[in-house]
Amino acid sequence: MSAIRNRISSLPERYSSALFQFDEVVVDGLDAIQFISNFMTADLNRLKVDECCDAFFCDARGWILDIAVVVRGVDRVRVLVARGRGQDIASHLSRYHIKEELIIYQTQENLHSMLLSGSQTEFLLERYFEISTPIDVYQQFPEKGDSKFFSTRTTNATLMIVDWISPRSFLLIVPEQKKSVLEEFVEYNEISNATDEIITYARLQQGWPLASDIPKKTIPQEVGLNDRAISFTKGCYLGQETVARLDALGHVNRRLVVFDVEQGGELVVGDSVASGGDDVSHVTSVGYSSEDDKALVMAIMPLKALQDKRGLTVAGRRATIVPSALLDSIAT
């Protein structure tokens, strides 16, 4: 793990990434809060206005349709999902909309986001946003009235803190038509752009999955984000029967896992993961750093395969499980 920490610490003092891009689905109306609560695994009712949480949206069988960040408003809910996936979620919700007083739509404008991290990032952003402590995950910060890049240009920028690549990073979101404002912001403040490979490496060290890491027919507990994305005490929601039954049984048969892979050739998404020489899964994410040939990869694994004493390999290279900051510990 020391090599991993050294890589991440070698990033610039502040850096940005365009790796995280989103679609926004909005449910707006008097019945919006209760309606969305009926389709997500997290407890929306516990949130205050403008608070956010992680959640899974499932089908009737309890299989994950998507992972999302959900933002509660007064009579309005915003659902942020990976770019290109908004229409599917909007259509899924619309199928169940009958007489509720609300409307469901995908935001017309695509959102463009930038992830910023590094020891000096907070000081930089304090010039433009009302950042105060303590800072909680998904806390949102309003713009300052004299912001040179945002308030004066009516960009409707959103800034929130996230822990996807480090315990303390910032996600800055603007409408797609204002993408040039972010580019100018980066240039003016001399922010370095990190490669997708490095950002993925940091993301995997944290253990944060993207929608592309979650295969079809995956149950929420198999992802390993129970504490932050699933409520086992809230009211009914679509797919809850499967989630509750699995909770009663006490264990899953598969889990999303991060591996540290030994030096060798380049790894790619889709490479085989083997246990005792038998292929049991495939790689869904790969992160590299330029400092050496080791890589972090993510895959969903049968728990029995993790117990095989003959060892684990990725594309024929020895692999070891990495304890991740965000994923629940694996009971084997």
C-alpha atoms as a PDB file:
ATOM      1  CA  MET A   1       0.000   0.000   0.000  1.00  0.00           C
ATOM      2  CA  SER A   2       2.923   2.400   0.526  1.00  0.00           C
ATOM      3  CA  ALA A   3       3.610   2.463  -3.220  1.00  0.00           C
ATOM      4  CA  ILE A   4      -0.025   3.405  -3.824  1.00  0.00           C
ATOM      5  CA  ARG A   5       0.122   6.274  -1.359  1.00  0.00           C
ATOM      6  CA  ASN A   6       3.346   7.553  -2.896  1.00  0.00           C
ATOM      7  CA  ARG A   7       1.781   7.664  -6.337  1.00  0.00           C
ATOM      8  CA  ILE A   8      -1.213   9.643  -5.213  1.00  0.00           C
ATOM      9  CA  SER A   9       0.956  12.057  -3.225  1.00  0.00           C
ATOM     10  CA  SER A  10       2.965  12.769  -6.391  1.00  0.00           C
ATOM     11  CA  LEU A  11      -0.027  14.521  -7.997  1.00  0.00           C
ATOM     12  CA  PRO A  12       0.190  18.315  -8.434  1.00  0.00           C
ATOM     13  CA  GLU A  13      -0.678  20.560  -5.485  1.00  0.00           C
ATOM     14  CA  ARG A  14      -4.018  21.128  -7.159  1.00  0.00           C
ATOM     15  CA  TYR A  15      -5.336  19.285 -10.153  1.00  0.00           C
ATOM     16  CA  SER A  16      -8.546  18.797 -12.088  1.00  0.00           C
ATOM     17  CA  SER A  17     -10.190  16.004 -14.053  1.00  0.00           C
ATOM     18  CA  ALA A  18     -13.060  15.861 -16.501  1.00  0.00           C
ATOM     19  CA  LEU A  19     -13.539  12.139 -15.818  1.00  0.00           C
ATOM     20  CA  PHE A  20     -16.830  12.513 -13.946  1.00  0.00           C
ATOM     21  CA  GLN A  21     -19.595  13.724 -16.273  1.00  0.00           C
ATOM     22  CA  PHE A  22     -23.301  13.540 -15.486  1.00  0.00           C
ATOM     23  CA  ASP A  23     -26.851  13.615 -16.751  1.00  0.00           C
ATOM     24  CA  GLU A  24     -29.460  15.190 -14.509  1.00  0.00           C
ATOM     25  CA  VAL A  25     -32.991  13.843 -14.093  1.00  0.00           C
ATOM     26  CA  VAL A  26     -35.441  16.098 -12.262  1.00  0.00           C
ATOM     27  CA  VAL A  27     -38.657  15.115 -10.501  1.00  0.00           C
ATOM     28  CA  ASP A  28     -40.604  18.286  -9.703  1.00  0.00           C
ATOM     29  CA  GLY A  29     -43.941  18.650  -7.894  1.00  0.00           C
ATOM     30  CA  LEU A  30     -45.810  18.257  -4.603  1.00  0.00           C
ATOM     31  CA  ASP A  31     -45.441  14.454  -4.649  1.00  0.00           C
ATOM     32  CA  ALA A  32     -41.820  14.402  -5.829  1.00  0.00           C
ATOM     33  CA  ILE A  33     -40.172  13.477  -2.505  1.00  0.00           C
ATOM     34  CA  GLN A  34     -42.397  10.498  -1.712  1.00  0.00           C
ATOM     35  CA  PHE A  35     -42.426   9.326  -5.330  1.00  0.00           C
ATOM     36  CA  ILE A  36     -38.629   9.155  -5.634  1.00  0.00           C
ATOM     37  CA  SER A  37     -38.350   7.603  -2.175  1.00  0.00           C
ATOM     38  CA  ASN A  38     -40.329   4.661  -3.578  1.00  0.00           C
ATOM     39  CA  PHE A  39     -37.562   3.889  -6.088  1.00  0.00           C
ATOM     40  CA  MET A  40     -34.242   4.437  -4.286  1.00  0.00           C
ATOM     41  CA  THR A  41     -32.408   2.352  -1.697  1.00  0.00           C
ATOM     42  CA  ALA A  42     -31.333   5.284   0.501  1.00  0.00           C
ATOM     43  CA  ASP A  43     -33.620   7.185   2.863  1.00  0.00           C
ATOM     44  CA  LEU A  44     -34.500  10.434   1.087  1.00  0.00           C
ATOM     45  CA  ASN A  45     -36.798  11.565   3.896  1.00  0.00           C
ATOM     46  CA  ARG A  46     -33.915  11.891   6.340  1.00  0.00           C
ATOM     47  CA  LEU A  47     -32.289  14.561   4.173  1.00  0.00           C
ATOM     48  CA  LYS A  48     -32.793  18.271   4.671  1.00  0.00           C
ATOM     49  CA  VAL A  49     -33.365  20.610   1.737  1.00  0.00           C
ATOM     50  CA  ASP A  50     -30.244  20.814  -0.488  1.00  0.00           C
ATOM     51  CA  GLU A  51     -28.666  17.748   1.150  1.00  0.00           C
ATOM     52  CA  CYS A  52     -27.482  14.820  -1.005  1.00  0.00           C
ATOM     53  CA  CYS A  53     -26.951  11.105  -0.672  1.00  0.00           C
ATOM     54  CA  ASP A  54     -25.819   8.100  -2.696  1.00  0.00           C
ATOM     55  CA  ALA A  55     -28.486   5.632  -3.784  1.00  0.00           C
ATOM     56  CA  PHE A  56     -29.181   2.703  -6.059  1.00  0.00           C
ATOM     57  CA  PHE A  57     -32.196   2.532  -8.336  1.00  0.00           C
ATOM     58  CA  CYS A  58     -33.361  -1.066  -8.819  1.00  0.00           C
ATOM     59  CA  ASP A  59     -35.874  -2.983 -10.887  1.00  0.00           C
ATOM     60  CA  ALA A  60     -38.618  -5.140  -9.340  1.00  0.00           C
ATOM     61  CA  ARG A  61     -36.181  -8.068  -8.990  1.00  0.00           C
ATOM     62  CA  GLY A  62     -33.790  -5.998  -6.903  1.00  0.00           C
ATOM     63  CA  TRP A  63     -31.139  -5.755  -9.623  1.00  0.00           C
ATOM     64  CA  ILE A  64     -29.349  -2.424  -9.882  1.00  0.00           C
ATOM     65  CA  LEU A  65     -30.361  -0.159 -12.738  1.00  0.00           C
ATOM     66  CA  ASP A  66     -28.028   2.656 -11.749  1.00  0.00           C
ATOM     67  CA  ILE A  67     -26.033   4.329  -8.982  1.00  0.00           C
ATOM     68  CA  ALA A  68     -26.824   7.992  -8.422  1.00  0.00           C
ATOM     69  CA  VAL A  69     -26.268  11.077  -6.310  1.00  0.00           C
ATOM     70  CA  VAL A  70     -29.702  12.314  -5.221  1.00  0.00           C
ATOM     71  CA  VAL A  71     -30.237  15.958  -4.203  1.00  0.00           C
ATOM     72  CA  ARG A  72     -33.340  16.852  -2.191  1.00  0.00           C
ATOM     73  CA  GLY A  73     -35.141  20.145  -2.734  1.00  0.00           C
ATOM     74  CA  VAL A  74     -38.414  21.471  -1.273  1.00  0.00           C
ATOM     75  CA  ASP A  75     -40.761  19.811  -3.784  1.00  0.00           C
ATOM     76  CA  ARG A  76     -38.030  18.814  -6.204  1.00  0.00           C
ATOM     77  CA  VAL A  77     -35.473  16.028  -6.488  1.00  0.00           C
ATOM     78  CA  ARG A  78     -32.386  16.039  -8.726  1.00  0.00           C
ATOM     79  CA  VAL A  79     -30.872  12.688  -9.692  1.00  0.00           C
ATOM     80  CA  LEU A  80     -27.312  12.777 -11.035  1.00  0.00           C
ATOM     81  CA  VAL A  81     -26.243   9.716 -13.034  1.00  0.00           C
ATOM     82  CA  ALA A  82     -23.348   9.014 -15.401  1.00  0.00           C
ATOM     83  CA  ARG A  83     -23.391  10.788 -18.757  1.00  0.00           C
ATOM     84  CA  GLY A  84     -25.616   8.967 -21.235  1.00  0.00           C
ATOM     85  CA  ARG A  85     -27.709   7.189 -18.588  1.00  0.00           C
ATOM     86  CA  GLY A  86     -30.237   9.897 -17.723  1.00  0.00           C
ATOM     87  CA  GLN A  87     -32.841   8.947 -20.291  1.00  0.00           C
ATOM     88  CA  ASP A  88     -32.996   5.369 -19.026  1.00  0.00           C
ATOM     89  CA  ILE A  89     -33.662   6.506 -15.450  1.00  0.00           C
ATOM     90  CA  ALA A  90     -36.212   9.096 -16.586  1.00  0.00           C
ATOM     91  CA  SER A  91     -38.031   6.434 -18.624  1.00  0.00           C
ATOM     92  CA  HIS A  92     -37.899   3.951 -15.733  1.00  0.00           C
ATOM     93  CA  LEU A  93     -39.516   6.430 -13.345  1.00  0.00           C
ATOM     94  CA  SER A  94     -42.059   7.594 -15.900  1.00  0.00           C
ATOM     95  CA  ARG A  95     -43.400   4.037 -16.298  1.00  0.00           C
ATOM     96  CA  TYR A  96     -44.603   4.170 -12.699  1.00  0.00           C
ATOM     97  CA  HIS A  97     -45.954   7.730 -12.763  1.00  0.00           C
ATOM     98  CA  ILE A  98     -49.757   7.522 -12.753  1.00  0.00           C
ATOM     99  CA  LYS A  99     -51.655  10.169 -10.774  1.00  0.00           C
ATOM    100  CA  GLU A 100     -48.900  11.764  -8.680  1.00  0.00           C
ATOM    101  CA  GLU A 101     -48.665  15.538  -8.842  1.00  0.00           C
ATOM    102  CA  LEU A 102     -45.237  15.854 -10.453  1.00  0.00           C
ATOM    103  CA  ILE A 103     -43.302  15.959 -13.695  1.00  0.00           C
ATOM    104  CA  ILE A 104     -40.244  13.891 -14.643  1.00  0.00           C
ATOM    105  CA  TYR A 105     -37.697  15.115 -17.152  1.00  0.00           C
ATOM    106  CA  GLN A 106     -34.042  14.980 -18.076  1.00  0.00           C
ATOM    107  CA  THR A 107     -32.387  18.377 -17.996  1.00  0.00           C
ATOM    108  CA  GLN A 108     -32.163  19.699 -21.549  1.00  0.00           C
ATOM    109  CA  GLU A 109     -28.615  20.970 -21.109  1.00  0.00           C
ATOM    110  CA  ASN A 110     -25.879  18.444 -20.447  1.00  0.00           C
ATOM    111  CA  LEU A 111     -23.866  19.145 -17.343  1.00  0.00           C
ATOM    112  CA  HIS A 112     -20.122  19.621 -17.528  1.00  0.00           C
ATOM    113  CA  SER A 113     -18.210  18.874 -14.354  1.00  0.00           C
ATOM    114  CA  MET A 114     -14.684  19.165 -13.072  1.00  0.00           C
ATOM    115  CA  LEU A 115     -13.173  17.331 -10.132  1.00  0.00           C
ATOM    116  CA  LEU A 116     -10.565  19.335  -8.211  1.00  0.00           C
ATOM    117  CA  SER A 117      -8.275  18.060  -5.495  1.00  0.00           C
ATOM    118  CA  GLY A 118      -4.966  18.803  -3.819  1.00  0.00           C
ATOM    119  CA  SER A 119      -3.807  20.613  -0.696  1.00  0.00           C
ATOM    120  CA  GLN A 120      -4.298  24.104  -2.145  1.00  0.00           C
ATOM    121  CA  THR A 121      -7.660  23.542  -3.831  1.00  0.00           C
ATOM    122  CA  GLU A 122      -9.822  24.765  -0.962  1.00  0.00           C
ATOM    123  CA  PHE A 123      -7.877  28.028  -0.691  1.00  0.00           C
ATOM    124  CA  LEU A 124      -8.317  28.586  -4.422  1.00  0.00           C
ATOM    125  CA  LEU A 125     -12.050  27.929  -4.393  1.00  0.00           C
ATOM    126  CA  GLU A 126     -12.592  30.239  -1.422  1.00  0.00           C
ATOM    127  CA  ARG A 127     -12.073  33.141  -3.847  1.00  0.00           C
ATOM    128  CA  TYR A 128     -15.266  32.176  -5.660  1.00  0.00           C
ATOM    129  CA  PHE A 129     -17.481  30.228  -3.236  1.00  0.00           C
ATOM    130  CA  GLU A 130     -18.644  30.602   0.360  1.00  0.00           C
ATOM    131  CA  ILE A 131     -16.677  27.670   1.722  1.00  0.00           C
ATOM    132  CA  SER A 132     -16.841  27.193   5.466  1.00  0.00           C
ATOM    133  CA  THR A 133     -15.999  24.407   7.926  1.00  0.00           C
ATOM    134  CA  PRO A 134     -16.950  21.804   8.965  1.00  0.00           C
ATOM    135  CA  ILE A 135     -17.191  20.274   5.500  1.00  0.00           C
ATOM    136  CA  ASP A 136     -19.322  17.184   4.956  1.00  0.00           C
ATOM    137  CA  VAL A 137     -19.499  14.894   1.935  1.00  0.00           C
ATOM    138  CA  TYR A 138     -21.904  16.361  -0.665  1.00  0.00           C
ATOM    139  CA  GLN A 139     -22.157  19.660   1.188  1.00  0.00           C
ATOM    140  CA  GLN A 140     -22.908  22.376  -1.360  1.00  0.00           C
ATOM    141  CA  PHE A 141     -21.422  25.863  -1.365  1.00  0.00           C
ATOM    142  CA  PRO A 142     -23.065  29.023  -2.777  1.00  0.00           C
ATOM    143  CA  GLU A 143     -21.172  31.358  -5.069  1.00  0.00           C
ATOM    144  CA  LYS A 144     -19.755  34.644  -3.865  1.00  0.00           C
ATOM    145  CA  GLY A 145     -21.406  37.702  -5.352  1.00  0.00           C
ATOM    146  CA  ASP A 146     -18.127  39.050  -6.706  1.00  0.00           C
ATOM    147  CA  SER A 147     -16.930  35.751  -8.202  1.00  0.00           C
ATOM    148  CA  LYS A 148     -14.840  36.579 -11.258  1.00  0.00           C
ATOM    149  CA  PHE A 149     -15.669  33.390 -13.137  1.00  0.00           C
ATOM    150  CA  PHE A 150     -19.066  32.299 -11.923  1.00  0.00           C
ATOM    151  CA  SER A 151     -21.613  34.656 -10.348  1.00  0.00           C
ATOM    152  CA  THR A 152     -20.881  37.516 -12.728  1.00  0.00           C
ATOM    153  CA  ARG A 153     -21.379  35.215 -15.731  1.00  0.00           C
ATOM    154  CA  THR A 154     -24.646  33.596 -14.572  1.00  0.00           C
ATOM    155  CA  THR A 155     -23.252  30.100 -15.008  1.00  0.00           C
ATOM    156  CA  ASN A 156     -25.415  28.537 -12.280  1.00  0.00           C
ATOM    157  CA  ALA A 157     -22.323  26.748 -11.003  1.00  0.00           C
ATOM    158  CA  THR A 158     -22.719  24.060  -8.356  1.00  0.00           C
ATOM    159  CA  LEU A 159     -19.847  23.198  -6.013  1.00  0.00           C
ATOM    160  CA  MET A 160     -19.929  20.269  -3.604  1.00  0.00           C
ATOM    161  CA  ILE A 161     -17.392  18.194  -1.719  1.00  0.00           C
ATOM    162  CA  VAL A 162     -16.962  14.522  -2.667  1.00  0.00           C
ATOM    163  CA  ASP A 163     -14.757  11.667  -1.463  1.00  0.00           C
ATOM    164  CA  TRP A 164     -14.523   9.694  -4.695  1.00  0.00           C
ATOM    165  CA  ILE A 165     -10.758  10.116  -5.244  1.00  0.00           C
ATOM    166  CA  SER A 166      -9.628  11.387  -1.839  1.00  0.00           C
ATOM    167  CA  PRO A 167     -11.260  12.125   1.507  1.00  0.00           C
ATOM    168  CA  ARG A 168     -11.636  15.771   0.464  1.00  0.00           C
ATOM    169  CA  SER A 169     -12.125  16.773  -3.164  1.00  0.00           C
ATOM    170  CA  PHE A 170     -14.441  19.250  -4.879  1.00  0.00           C
ATOM    171  CA  LEU A 171     -16.883  18.691  -7.727  1.00  0.00           C
ATOM    172  CA  LEU A 172     -17.644  21.805  -9.779  1.00  0.00           C
ATOM    173  CA  ILE A 173     -20.618  21.544 -12.156  1.00  0.00           C
ATOM    174  CA  VAL A 174     -21.825  24.020 -14.798  1.00  0.00           C
ATOM    175  CA  PRO A 175     -24.203  23.745 -17.787  1.00  0.00           C
ATOM    176  CA  GLU A 176     -22.539  22.374 -20.932  1.00  0.00           C
ATOM    177  CA  GLN A 177     -22.858  25.703 -22.746  1.00  0.00           C
ATOM    178  CA  LYS A 178     -20.577  27.259 -20.117  1.00  0.00           C
ATOM    179  CA  LYS A 179     -17.844  24.632 -20.494  1.00  0.00           C
ATOM    180  CA  SER A 180     -15.472  27.333 -21.778  1.00  0.00           C
ATOM    181  CA  VAL A 181     -15.790  29.099 -18.412  1.00  0.00           C
ATOM    182  CA  LEU A 182     -14.294  26.063 -16.660  1.00  0.00           C
ATOM    183  CA  GLU A 183     -11.471  25.904 -19.207  1.00  0.00           C
ATOM    184  CA  GLU A 184     -10.666  29.563 -18.602  1.00  0.00           C
ATOM    185  CA  PHE A 185     -10.906  28.995 -14.849  1.00  0.00           C
ATOM    186  CA  VAL A 186      -8.310  26.204 -15.058  1.00  0.00           C
ATOM    187  CA  GLU A 187      -5.956  28.274 -17.205  1.00  0.00           C
ATOM    188  CA  TYR A 188      -6.260  31.429 -15.110  1.00  0.00           C
ATOM    189  CA  ASN A 189      -5.587  29.592 -11.846  1.00  0.00           C
ATOM    190  CA  GLU A 190      -2.798  27.425 -13.301  1.00  0.00           C
ATOM    191  CA  ILE A 191      -4.513  24.176 -12.377  1.00  0.00           C
ATOM    192  CA  SER A 192      -2.895  21.011 -13.709  1.00  0.00           C
ATOM    193  CA  ASN A 193      -5.062  18.456 -15.507  1.00  0.00           C
ATOM    194  CA  ALA A 194      -4.456  14.919 -14.256  1.00  0.00           C
ATOM    195  CA  THR A 195      -4.802  11.983 -16.642  1.00  0.00           C
ATOM    196  CA  ASP A 196      -7.813   9.698 -16.457  1.00  0.00           C
ATOM    197  CA  GLU A 197      -5.473   6.825 -15.525  1.00  0.00           C
ATOM    198  CA  ILE A 198      -4.195   8.665 -12.445  1.00  0.00           C
ATOM    199  CA  ILE A 199      -7.662   9.761 -11.385  1.00  0.00           C
ATOM    200  CA  THR A 200      -8.941   6.199 -11.811  1.00  0.00           C
ATOM    201  CA  TYR A 201      -6.024   4.992  -9.697  1.00  0.00           C
ATOM    202  CA  ALA A 202      -7.040   7.393  -6.920  1.00  0.00           C
ATOM    203  CA  ARG A 203     -10.710   6.429  -7.311  1.00  0.00           C
ATOM    204  CA  LEU A 204      -9.901   2.735  -6.957  1.00  0.00           C
ATOM    205  CA  GLN A 205      -7.759   3.374  -3.906  1.00  0.00           C
ATOM    206  CA  GLN A 206     -10.823   4.972  -2.335  1.00  0.00           C
ATOM    207  CA  GLY A 207     -12.963   2.110  -3.652  1.00  0.00           C
ATOM    208  CA  TRP A 208     -15.480   4.304  -5.461  1.00  0.00           C
ATOM    209  CA  PRO A 209     -17.331   2.464  -8.283  1.00  0.00           C
ATOM    210  CA  LEU A 210     -18.760   3.985 -11.441  1.00  0.00           C
ATOM    211  CA  ALA A 211     -21.916   2.713 -13.114  1.00  0.00           C
ATOM    212  CA  SER A 212     -19.650   0.896 -15.589  1.00  0.00           C
ATOM    213  CA  ASP A 213     -18.216  -1.167 -12.693  1.00  0.00           C
ATOM    214  CA  ILE A 214     -21.625  -2.622 -11.850  1.00  0.00           C
ATOM    215  CA  PRO A 215     -22.613  -5.543 -14.118  1.00  0.00           C
ATOM    216  CA  LYS A 216     -26.201  -6.381 -14.986  1.00  0.00           C
ATOM    217  CA  LYS A 217     -28.063  -8.530 -12.453  1.00  0.00           C
ATOM    218  CA  THR A 218     -26.118  -7.057  -9.522  1.00  0.00           C
ATOM    219  CA  ILE A 219     -27.826  -6.683  -6.126  1.00  0.00           C
ATOM    220  CA  PRO A 220     -27.053  -3.494  -4.100  1.00  0.00           C
ATOM    221  CA  GLN A 221     -25.233  -5.285  -1.259  1.00  0.00           C
ATOM    222  CA  GLU A 222     -22.795  -6.810  -3.766  1.00  0.00           C
ATOM    223  CA  VAL A 223     -21.336  -3.374  -4.471  1.00  0.00           C
ATOM    224  CA  GLY A 224     -20.184  -2.850  -0.894  1.00  0.00           C
ATOM    225  CA  LEU A 225     -21.663   0.592  -0.171  1.00  0.00           C
ATOM    226  CA  ASN A 226     -24.297  -0.524   2.334  1.00  0.00           C
ATOM    227  CA  ASP A 227     -23.540   2.119   4.947  1.00  0.00           C
ATOM    228  CA  ARG A 228     -23.898   5.064   2.603  1.00  0.00           C
ATOM    229  CA  ALA A 229     -26.290   3.957  -0.143  1.00  0.00           C
ATOM    230  CA  ILE A 230     -28.802   1.539   1.452  1.00  0.00           C
ATOM    231  CA  SER A 231     -31.331   2.022   4.248  1.00  0.00           C
ATOM    232  CA  PHE A 232     -32.610  -1.172   5.842  1.00  0.00           C
ATOM    233  CA  THR A 233     -35.224   0.669   7.917  1.00  0.00           C
ATOM    234  CA  LYS A 234     -36.984   2.993   5.438  1.00  0.00           C
ATOM    235  CA  GLY A 235     -40.361   2.270   3.889  1.00  0.00           C
ATOM    236  CA  CYS A 236     -41.005   0.174   0.814  1.00  0.00           C
ATOM    237  CA  TYR A 237     -39.253   0.784  -2.507  1.00  0.00           C
ATOM    238  CA  LEU A 238     -38.984  -1.073  -5.770  1.00  0.00           C
ATOM    239  CA  GLY A 239     -36.652  -4.055  -5.307  1.00  0.00           C
ATOM    240  CA  GLN A 240     -36.739  -3.889  -1.503  1.00  0.00           C
ATOM    241  CA  GLU A 241     -37.937  -7.474  -1.103  1.00  0.00           C
ATOM    242  CA  THR A 242     -34.701  -8.828  -2.604  1.00  0.00           C
ATOM    243  CA  VAL A 243     -32.523  -6.416  -0.612  1.00  0.00           C
ATOM    244  CA  ALA A 244     -34.312  -7.250   2.650  1.00  0.00           C
ATOM    245  CA  ARG A 245     -34.172 -11.008   2.022  1.00  0.00           C
ATOM    246  CA  LEU A 246     -30.434 -10.851   1.367  1.00  0.00           C
ATOM    247  CA  ASP A 247     -29.965  -8.766   4.517  1.00  0.00           C
ATOM    248  CA  ALA A 248     -31.807 -11.440   6.505  1.00  0.00           C
ATOM    249  CA  LEU A 249     -29.572 -14.170   5.082  1.00  0.00           C
ATOM    250  CA  GLY A 250     -26.565 -12.192   6.259  1.00  0.00           C
ATOM    251  CA  HIS A 251     -24.192 -12.488   3.319  1.00  0.00           C
ATOM    252  CA  VAL A 252     -23.719 -12.065  -0.419  1.00  0.00           C
ATOM    253  CA  ASN A 253     -22.070 -14.496  -2.822  1.00  0.00           C
ATOM    254  CA  ARG A 254     -20.262 -11.806  -4.838  1.00  0.00           C
ATOM    255  CA  ARG A 255     -18.569  -8.526  -4.035  1.00  0.00           C
ATOM    256  CA  LEU A 256     -16.989  -5.622  -5.861  1.00  0.00           C
ATOM    257  CA  VAL A 257     -13.242  -5.774  -5.126  1.00  0.00           C
ATOM    258  CA  VAL A 258     -10.133  -3.711  -5.853  1.00  0.00           C
ATOM    259  CA  PHE A 259      -6.884  -5.522  -6.689  1.00  0.00           C
ATOM    260  CA  ASP A 260      -3.265  -4.385  -6.711  1.00  0.00           C
ATOM    261  CA  VAL A 261      -1.635  -6.108  -9.700  1.00  0.00           C
ATOM    262  CA  GLU A 262       2.079  -6.848  -9.998  1.00  0.00           C
ATOM    263  CA  GLN A 263       4.321  -5.400 -12.696  1.00  0.00           C
ATOM    264  CA  GLY A 264       3.947  -6.587 -16.252  1.00  0.00           C
ATOM    265  CA  GLY A 265       2.200  -5.620 -19.473  1.00  0.00           C
ATOM    266  CA  GLU A 266      -0.623  -3.156 -19.895  1.00  0.00           C
ATOM    267  CA  LEU A 267      -4.012  -4.056 -18.457  1.00  0.00           C
ATOM    268  CA  VAL A 268      -7.329  -3.147 -20.060  1.00  0.00           C
ATOM    269  CA  VAL A 269     -11.000  -3.281 -19.139  1.00  0.00           C
ATOM    270  CA  GLY A 270     -12.269  -6.786 -19.906  1.00  0.00           C
ATOM    271  CA  ASP A 271      -9.098  -8.635 -18.889  1.00  0.00           C
ATOM    272  CA  SER A 272      -9.769 -11.901 -17.107  1.00  0.00           C
ATOM    273  CA  VAL A 273      -9.576 -12.326 -13.344  1.00  0.00           C
ATOM    274  CA  ALA A 274      -8.705 -15.883 -12.306  1.00  0.00           C
ATOM    275  CA  SER A 275      -8.799 -17.778  -9.042  1.00  0.00           C
ATOM    276  CA  GLY A 276      -6.625 -20.877  -8.861  1.00  0.00           C
ATOM    277  CA  GLY A 277      -6.166 -20.698 -12.621  1.00  0.00           C
ATOM    278  CA  ASP A 278      -9.909 -20.608 -13.400  1.00  0.00           C
ATOM    279  CA  ASP A 279     -11.425 -17.468 -14.946  1.00  0.00           C
ATOM    280  CA  VAL A 280     -14.119 -16.160 -12.606  1.00  0.00           C
ATOM    281  CA  SER A 281     -14.585 -12.500 -13.552  1.00  0.00           C
ATOM    282  CA  HIS A 282     -13.270  -9.632 -15.662  1.00  0.00           C
ATOM    283  CA  VAL A 283     -11.800  -6.191 -15.042  1.00  0.00           C
ATOM    284  CA  THR A 284     -14.209  -3.226 -15.083  1.00  0.00           C
ATOM    285  CA  SER A 285     -11.755  -0.373 -14.302  1.00  0.00           C
ATOM    286  CA  VAL A 286      -7.991   0.062 -14.578  1.00  0.00           C
ATOM    287  CA  GLY A 287      -5.908   2.826 -12.990  1.00  0.00           C
ATOM    288  CA  TYR A 288      -2.202   3.506 -13.527  1.00  0.00           C
ATOM    289  CA  SER A 289       0.450   5.912 -12.349  1.00  0.00           C
ATOM    290  CA  SER A 290       3.483   6.795 -14.454  1.00  0.00           C
ATOM    291  CA  GLU A 291       5.905   5.998 -11.630  1.00  0.00           C
ATOM    292  CA  ASP A 292       5.848   2.195 -12.030  1.00  0.00           C
ATOM    293  CA  ASP A 293       4.052  -0.623 -13.803  1.00  0.00           C
ATOM    294  CA  LYS A 294       1.714  -1.643 -11.018  1.00  0.00           C
ATOM    295  CA  ALA A 295      -1.996  -1.067 -11.495  1.00  0.00           C
ATOM    296  CA  LEU A 296      -5.179  -1.032  -9.504  1.00  0.00           C
ATOM    297  CA  VAL A 297      -8.172  -2.783 -11.043  1.00  0.00           C
ATOM    298  CA  MET A 298     -11.793  -3.316 -10.027  1.00  0.00           C
ATOM    299  CA  ALA A 299     -13.917  -6.422 -10.594  1.00  0.00           C
ATOM    300  CA  ILE A 300     -16.965  -8.081  -9.071  1.00  0.00           C
ATOM    301  CA  MET A 301     -15.849 -11.397  -7.608  1.00  0.00           C
ATOM    302  CA  PRO A 302     -17.429 -14.595  -6.228  1.00  0.00           C
ATOM    303  CA  LEU A 303     -16.491 -14.713  -2.560  1.00  0.00           C
ATOM    304  CA  LYS A 304     -15.517 -18.384  -2.835  1.00  0.00           C
ATOM    305  CA  ALA A 305     -12.927 -17.422  -5.438  1.00  0.00           C
ATOM    306  CA  LEU A 306     -11.351 -14.950  -3.005  1.00  0.00           C
ATOM    307  CA  GLN A 307     -10.796 -17.807  -0.545  1.00  0.00           C
ATOM    308  CA  ASP A 308      -8.914 -20.040  -2.995  1.00  0.00           C
ATOM    309  CA  LYS A 309      -5.428 -20.550  -1.564  1.00  0.00           C
ATOM    310  CA  ARG A 310      -3.964 -21.128  -5.027  1.00  0.00           C
ATOM    311  CA  GLY A 311      -4.034 -17.379  -5.543  1.00  0.00           C
ATOM    312  CA  LEU A 312      -5.606 -14.680  -7.686  1.00  0.00           C
ATOM    313  CA  THR A 313      -4.366 -13.339 -11.003  1.00  0.00           C
ATOM    314  CA  VAL A 314      -5.393 -10.592 -13.411  1.00  0.00           C
ATOM    315  CA  ALA A 315      -4.413 -11.233 -17.033  1.00  0.00           C
ATOM    316  CA  GLY A 316      -1.989 -13.844 -15.688  1.00  0.00           C
ATOM    317  CA  ARG A 317      -0.329 -11.486 -13.176  1.00  0.00           C
ATOM    318  CA  ARG A 318      -0.434 -11.962  -9.421  1.00  0.00           C
ATOM    319  CA  ALA A 319      -3.054  -9.827  -7.706  1.00  0.00           C
ATOM    320  CA  THR A 320      -3.811  -8.968  -4.081  1.00  0.00           C
ATOM    321  CA  ILE A 321      -6.942  -7.434  -2.561  1.00  0.00           C
ATOM    322  CA  VAL A 322      -6.666  -3.758  -1.601  1.00  0.00           C
ATOM    323  CA  PRO A 323      -8.634  -2.617   1.497  1.00  0.00           C
ATOM    324  CA  SER A 324     -10.581   0.364   0.177  1.00  0.00           C
ATOM    325  CA  ALA A 325     -11.611   3.466   2.055  1.00  0.00           C
ATOM    326  CA  LEU A 326     -15.256   3.425   0.973  1.00  0.00           C
ATOM    327  CA  LEU A 327     -16.156  -0.201   0.231  1.00  0.00           C
ATOM    328  CA  ASP A 328     -17.427  -2.264   3.159  1.00  0.00           C
ATOM    329  CA  SER A 329     -14.926  -4.815   4.480  1.00  0.00           C
ATOM    330  CA  ILE A 330     -15.150  -8.248   2.893  1.00  0.00           C
ATOM    331  CA  ALA A 331     -16.133 -11.120   5.176  1.00  0.00           C
ATOM    332  CA  THR A 332     -14.648 -14.285   3.664  1.00  0.00           C
END
